[in-house]
Protein backbone atom coordinates (compact mmCIF):
# COMPACT_ATOMS: atom_id res chain seq x y z
CA MET A 1 15.56 11.99 -14.74
CA ARG A 2 18.05 15.23 -14.60
CA LEU A 3 20.74 15.90 -16.74
CA THR A 4 23.14 15.10 -13.52
CA ASP A 5 21.53 11.93 -12.81
CA LEU A 6 23.73 10.40 -15.85
CA ASN A 7 26.79 9.10 -15.64
CA ILE A 8 30.28 10.15 -18.04
CA ASN A 9 30.11 8.56 -21.24
CA GLU A 10 26.06 7.86 -20.56
CA GLN A 11 23.66 9.13 -22.78
CA GLY A 12 20.08 11.36 -23.07
CA ILE A 13 17.18 12.66 -24.71
CA ILE A 14 15.63 16.13 -23.73
CA SER A 15 11.98 15.28 -22.71
CA GLU A 16 10.00 16.98 -23.72
CA GLN A 17 9.61 20.86 -21.39
CA ASP A 18 9.59 24.50 -21.75
CA ILE A 19 12.48 25.58 -23.66
CA ASN A 20 11.66 29.55 -22.90
CA LEU A 21 12.52 28.61 -20.00
CA LEU A 22 16.68 27.30 -20.74
CA PRO A 23 19.38 30.20 -21.40
CA ALA A 24 18.86 31.60 -25.67
CA LYS A 25 22.66 30.09 -25.25
CA LEU A 26 21.48 26.43 -24.65
CA VAL A 27 18.94 26.65 -27.75
CA ASP A 28 21.34 28.17 -30.03
CA PHE A 29 23.59 25.09 -29.33
CA GLY A 30 20.80 22.48 -29.97
CA CYS A 31 19.85 21.71 -26.40
CA VAL A 32 15.93 21.09 -27.46
CA PRO A 33 13.78 18.21 -26.77
CA GLY A 34 14.69 15.28 -28.21
CA ASN A 35 18.30 15.71 -29.15
CA VAL A 36 20.87 13.26 -27.54
CA VAL A 37 22.99 14.52 -24.81
CA SER A 38 26.23 13.18 -23.50
CA ILE A 39 28.20 13.88 -20.01
CA VAL A 40 31.43 14.07 -21.35
CA ASN A 41 32.65 14.78 -17.48
CA TYR A 42 31.89 16.98 -14.52
CA ALA A 43 34.66 19.88 -12.79
CA PRO A 44 34.85 19.16 -9.31
CA PHE A 45 32.93 20.87 -6.77
CA ASN A 46 30.19 21.55 -8.13
CA GLY A 47 31.15 23.09 -10.97
CA PRO A 48 30.38 23.44 -14.95
CA VAL A 49 28.96 20.17 -16.25
CA TYR A 50 30.71 19.27 -19.85
CA LEU A 51 28.32 19.06 -22.37
CA ARG A 52 28.02 17.10 -25.48
CA VAL A 53 25.19 17.84 -28.17
CA GLN A 54 25.23 16.26 -31.99
CA GLU A 55 28.60 17.84 -32.63
CA THR A 56 29.30 20.97 -29.97
CA PHE A 57 30.63 20.48 -26.99
CA PHE A 58 30.74 23.25 -23.79
CA ALA A 59 29.75 23.61 -20.57
CA VAL A 60 27.02 24.71 -18.84
CA ARG A 61 26.33 25.63 -14.88
CA ARG A 62 25.38 22.73 -12.78
CA GLU A 63 22.23 24.93 -12.02
CA ILE A 64 20.96 24.82 -15.00
CA ALA A 65 22.07 20.90 -16.37
CA ASP A 66 19.77 20.37 -12.51
CA PHE A 67 17.25 21.90 -14.50
CA ILE A 68 17.70 20.15 -17.64
CA GLU A 69 14.77 16.93 -17.91
CA VAL A 70 16.19 13.71 -19.89
CA ILE A 71 15.29 10.17 -20.29
CA ARG A 72 18.59 8.07 -20.04
CA LEU A 73 18.68 6.27 -24.09
CA GLU A 74 19.21 2.15 -22.72
CA GLU A 75 15.61 3.39 -20.72
CA LYS A 76 14.21 5.38 -24.03
CA GLU A 77 15.24 1.77 -25.61
CA VAL A 78 13.89 -0.41 -23.93
CA ALA A 79 10.48 1.61 -24.01
């Protein structure tokens, strides 16, 4: 599933993917496979997505958030 498929306050674990395809700044913020990411809020009109990774809060364009694959945290706990 994509990061933007999560609802506000839901958490997911970033899936294994090629981090070379992500912007370097996101990797610096901790958007790497295995880290937990949560949706803080969605801006209206297809605006940015406000995220939390570890203790860092930041916003990314929705197009970039659509690119990040995650596993919903509850799904991982059940499996």
